[in-house]
């Protein structure tokens, strides 16, 4: 038994991406998350190809606005390519989810 299958996550992490993945935006919702026990509202991208959403960070949102336009209402049904980008945050290695236009 795999714990990751027993308790699946709702949201994707950069480490879930093994390489670039082209996806179609299904919708954008606002979700109440509870990091460190405090409620925080975040926007989440949902895709037709996967049940996991991607929490919309500021860098990701700005890149998507550059690619798709500033109005999120027109992002629905648009294709983008997500890819993992290794980085350091506060001296800790992690993998961020980044986007680019479909090649």
C-alpha atoms as a PDB file:
ATOM      1  CA  UNK A   1       0.000   0.000   0.000  1.00  0.00           C
ATOM      2  CA  UNK A   2       1.262   3.482  -0.856  1.00  0.00           C
ATOM      3  CA  UNK A   3       0.449   6.252   1.588  1.00  0.00           C
ATOM      4  CA  UNK A   4       0.370   8.755  -1.308  1.00  0.00           C
ATOM      5  CA  UNK A   5      -2.534   6.786  -2.797  1.00  0.00           C
ATOM      6  CA  UNK A   6      -4.276   6.283   0.536  1.00  0.00           C
ATOM      7  CA  UNK A   7      -4.236  10.017   1.318  1.00  0.00           C
ATOM      8  CA  UNK A   8      -4.133  11.776  -2.065  1.00  0.00           C
ATOM      9  CA  UNK A   9      -3.399  15.512  -2.179  1.00  0.00           C
ATOM     10  CA  UNK A  10      -5.792  17.958  -3.836  1.00  0.00           C
ATOM     11  CA  UNK A  11      -3.007  20.190  -5.106  1.00  0.00           C
ATOM     12  CA  UNK A  12       0.010  19.433  -7.280  1.00  0.00           C
ATOM     13  CA  UNK A  13       3.570  20.211  -6.245  1.00  0.00           C
ATOM     14  CA  UNK A  14       6.493  20.987  -8.506  1.00  0.00           C
ATOM     15  CA  UNK A  15       8.019  17.632  -7.592  1.00  0.00           C
ATOM     16  CA  UNK A  16       4.947  15.890  -9.074  1.00  0.00           C
ATOM     17  CA  UNK A  17       5.988  17.071 -12.547  1.00  0.00           C
ATOM     18  CA  UNK A  18       8.558  14.771 -14.121  1.00  0.00           C
ATOM     19  CA  UNK A  19       8.913  17.130 -17.079  1.00  0.00           C
ATOM     20  CA  UNK A  20       6.813  19.570 -19.110  1.00  0.00           C
ATOM     21  CA  UNK A  21       3.087  18.820 -19.250  1.00  0.00           C
ATOM     22  CA  UNK A  22       0.584  20.534 -21.535  1.00  0.00           C
ATOM     23  CA  UNK A  23      -2.767  21.048 -19.822  1.00  0.00           C
ATOM     24  CA  UNK A  24      -6.088  22.768 -20.533  1.00  0.00           C
ATOM     25  CA  UNK A  25      -7.417  25.214 -17.943  1.00  0.00           C
ATOM     26  CA  UNK A  26     -10.871  24.093 -16.795  1.00  0.00           C
ATOM     27  CA  UNK A  27     -11.534  26.759 -14.171  1.00  0.00           C
ATOM     28  CA  UNK A  28     -10.066  29.020 -11.516  1.00  0.00           C
ATOM     29  CA  UNK A  29     -11.532  28.886  -8.032  1.00  0.00           C
ATOM     30  CA  UNK A  30     -10.818  30.557  -4.735  1.00  0.00           C
ATOM     31  CA  UNK A  31     -10.153  28.022  -1.976  1.00  0.00           C
ATOM     32  CA  UNK A  32      -9.723  28.451   1.749  1.00  0.00           C
ATOM     33  CA  UNK A  33      -6.498  26.726   2.776  1.00  0.00           C
ATOM     34  CA  UNK A  34      -5.150  26.267   6.290  1.00  0.00           C
ATOM     35  CA  UNK A  35      -1.351  26.479   6.300  1.00  0.00           C
ATOM     36  CA  UNK A  36      -0.044  26.606   9.868  1.00  0.00           C
ATOM     37  CA  UNK A  37      -3.645  26.350  11.092  1.00  0.00           C
ATOM     38  CA  UNK A  38      -4.670  29.807   9.817  1.00  0.00           C
ATOM     39  CA  UNK A  39      -7.313  30.190   7.092  1.00  0.00           C
ATOM     40  CA  UNK A  40      -5.926  31.801   3.924  1.00  0.00           C
ATOM     41  CA  UNK A  41      -7.782  32.293   0.640  1.00  0.00           C
ATOM     42  CA  UNK A  42      -5.817  31.317  -2.475  1.00  0.00           C
ATOM     43  CA  UNK A  43      -6.715  31.010  -6.137  1.00  0.00           C
ATOM     44  CA  UNK A  44      -6.384  27.539  -7.654  1.00  0.00           C
ATOM     45  CA  UNK A  45      -6.119  26.497 -11.304  1.00  0.00           C
ATOM     46  CA  UNK A  46      -7.963  23.305 -12.251  1.00  0.00           C
ATOM     47  CA  UNK A  47      -7.311  21.350 -15.450  1.00  0.00           C
ATOM     48  CA  UNK A  48      -9.260  18.904 -17.591  1.00  0.00           C
ATOM     49  CA  UNK A  49      -6.372  16.405 -17.679  1.00  0.00           C
ATOM     50  CA  UNK A  50      -5.859  15.910 -13.927  1.00  0.00           C
ATOM     51  CA  UNK A  51      -7.882  16.019 -10.706  1.00  0.00           C
ATOM     52  CA  UNK A  52      -5.135  17.966  -8.897  1.00  0.00           C
ATOM     53  CA  UNK A  53      -5.204  21.728  -8.858  1.00  0.00           C
ATOM     54  CA  UNK A  54      -2.261  24.114  -8.846  1.00  0.00           C
ATOM     55  CA  UNK A  55      -2.204  26.906  -6.272  1.00  0.00           C
ATOM     56  CA  UNK A  56      -1.734  30.137  -8.179  1.00  0.00           C
ATOM     57  CA  UNK A  57       1.394  31.860  -6.884  1.00  0.00           C
ATOM     58  CA  UNK A  58       2.160  35.455  -7.825  1.00  0.00           C
ATOM     59  CA  UNK A  59       4.983  34.530 -10.261  1.00  0.00           C
ATOM     60  CA  UNK A  60       2.772  31.907 -11.924  1.00  0.00           C
ATOM     61  CA  UNK A  61      -0.181  34.324 -12.156  1.00  0.00           C
ATOM     62  CA  UNK A  62       1.976  37.059 -13.711  1.00  0.00           C
ATOM     63  CA  UNK A  63       3.414  34.636 -16.275  1.00  0.00           C
ATOM     64  CA  UNK A  64      -0.053  33.354 -17.192  1.00  0.00           C
ATOM     65  CA  UNK A  65      -1.288  36.947 -17.557  1.00  0.00           C
ATOM     66  CA  UNK A  66       1.623  37.573 -19.929  1.00  0.00           C
ATOM     67  CA  UNK A  67       0.753  34.465 -21.962  1.00  0.00           C
ATOM     68  CA  UNK A  68      -3.065  34.473 -21.854  1.00  0.00           C
ATOM     69  CA  UNK A  69      -4.021  38.046 -20.991  1.00  0.00           C
ATOM     70  CA  UNK A  70      -4.839  39.917 -17.809  1.00  0.00           C
ATOM     71  CA  UNK A  71      -8.497  38.818 -17.578  1.00  0.00           C
ATOM     72  CA  UNK A  72      -8.770  35.364 -15.997  1.00  0.00           C
ATOM     73  CA  UNK A  73     -12.269  34.999 -17.498  1.00  0.00           C
ATOM     74  CA  UNK A  74     -10.636  34.241 -20.873  1.00  0.00           C
ATOM     75  CA  UNK A  75      -8.176  31.665 -19.475  1.00  0.00           C
ATOM     76  CA  UNK A  76     -10.794  28.899 -19.518  1.00  0.00           C
ATOM     77  CA  UNK A  77     -10.160  26.255 -22.213  1.00  0.00           C
ATOM     78  CA  UNK A  78      -6.695  27.694 -22.955  1.00  0.00           C
ATOM     79  CA  UNK A  79      -3.718  25.339 -23.185  1.00  0.00           C
ATOM     80  CA  UNK A  80      -0.480  26.002 -21.324  1.00  0.00           C
ATOM     81  CA  UNK A  81       2.629  23.994 -20.592  1.00  0.00           C
ATOM     82  CA  UNK A  82       3.566  23.542 -16.945  1.00  0.00           C
ATOM     83  CA  UNK A  83       7.124  22.575 -16.041  1.00  0.00           C
ATOM     84  CA  UNK A  84       9.149  22.045 -12.861  1.00  0.00           C
ATOM     85  CA  UNK A  85      11.832  24.573 -11.914  1.00  0.00           C
ATOM     86  CA  UNK A  86      14.273  23.711  -9.123  1.00  0.00           C
ATOM     87  CA  UNK A  87      14.976  26.629  -6.789  1.00  0.00           C
ATOM     88  CA  UNK A  88      16.004  27.553  -3.254  1.00  0.00           C
ATOM     89  CA  UNK A  89      13.594  29.211  -0.852  1.00  0.00           C
ATOM     90  CA  UNK A  90      14.972  30.352   2.493  1.00  0.00           C
ATOM     91  CA  UNK A  91      18.004  28.119   1.947  1.00  0.00           C
ATOM     92  CA  UNK A  92      15.833  25.056   1.259  1.00  0.00           C
ATOM     93  CA  UNK A  93      15.750  23.251  -2.077  1.00  0.00           C
ATOM     94  CA  UNK A  94      12.305  22.929  -3.623  1.00  0.00           C
ATOM     95  CA  UNK A  95      10.671  22.635  -7.035  1.00  0.00           C
ATOM     96  CA  UNK A  96       8.301  25.333  -8.254  1.00  0.00           C
ATOM     97  CA  UNK A  97       5.637  24.968 -10.938  1.00  0.00           C
ATOM     98  CA  UNK A  98       6.166  27.399 -13.804  1.00  0.00           C
ATOM     99  CA  UNK A  99       4.283  27.951 -17.092  1.00  0.00           C
ATOM    100  CA  UNK A 100       5.000  28.789 -20.691  1.00  0.00           C
ATOM    101  CA  UNK A 101       2.960  28.963 -23.856  1.00  0.00           C
ATOM    102  CA  UNK A 102       2.403  25.739 -25.738  1.00  0.00           C
ATOM    103  CA  UNK A 103       5.286  25.158 -28.142  1.00  0.00           C
END
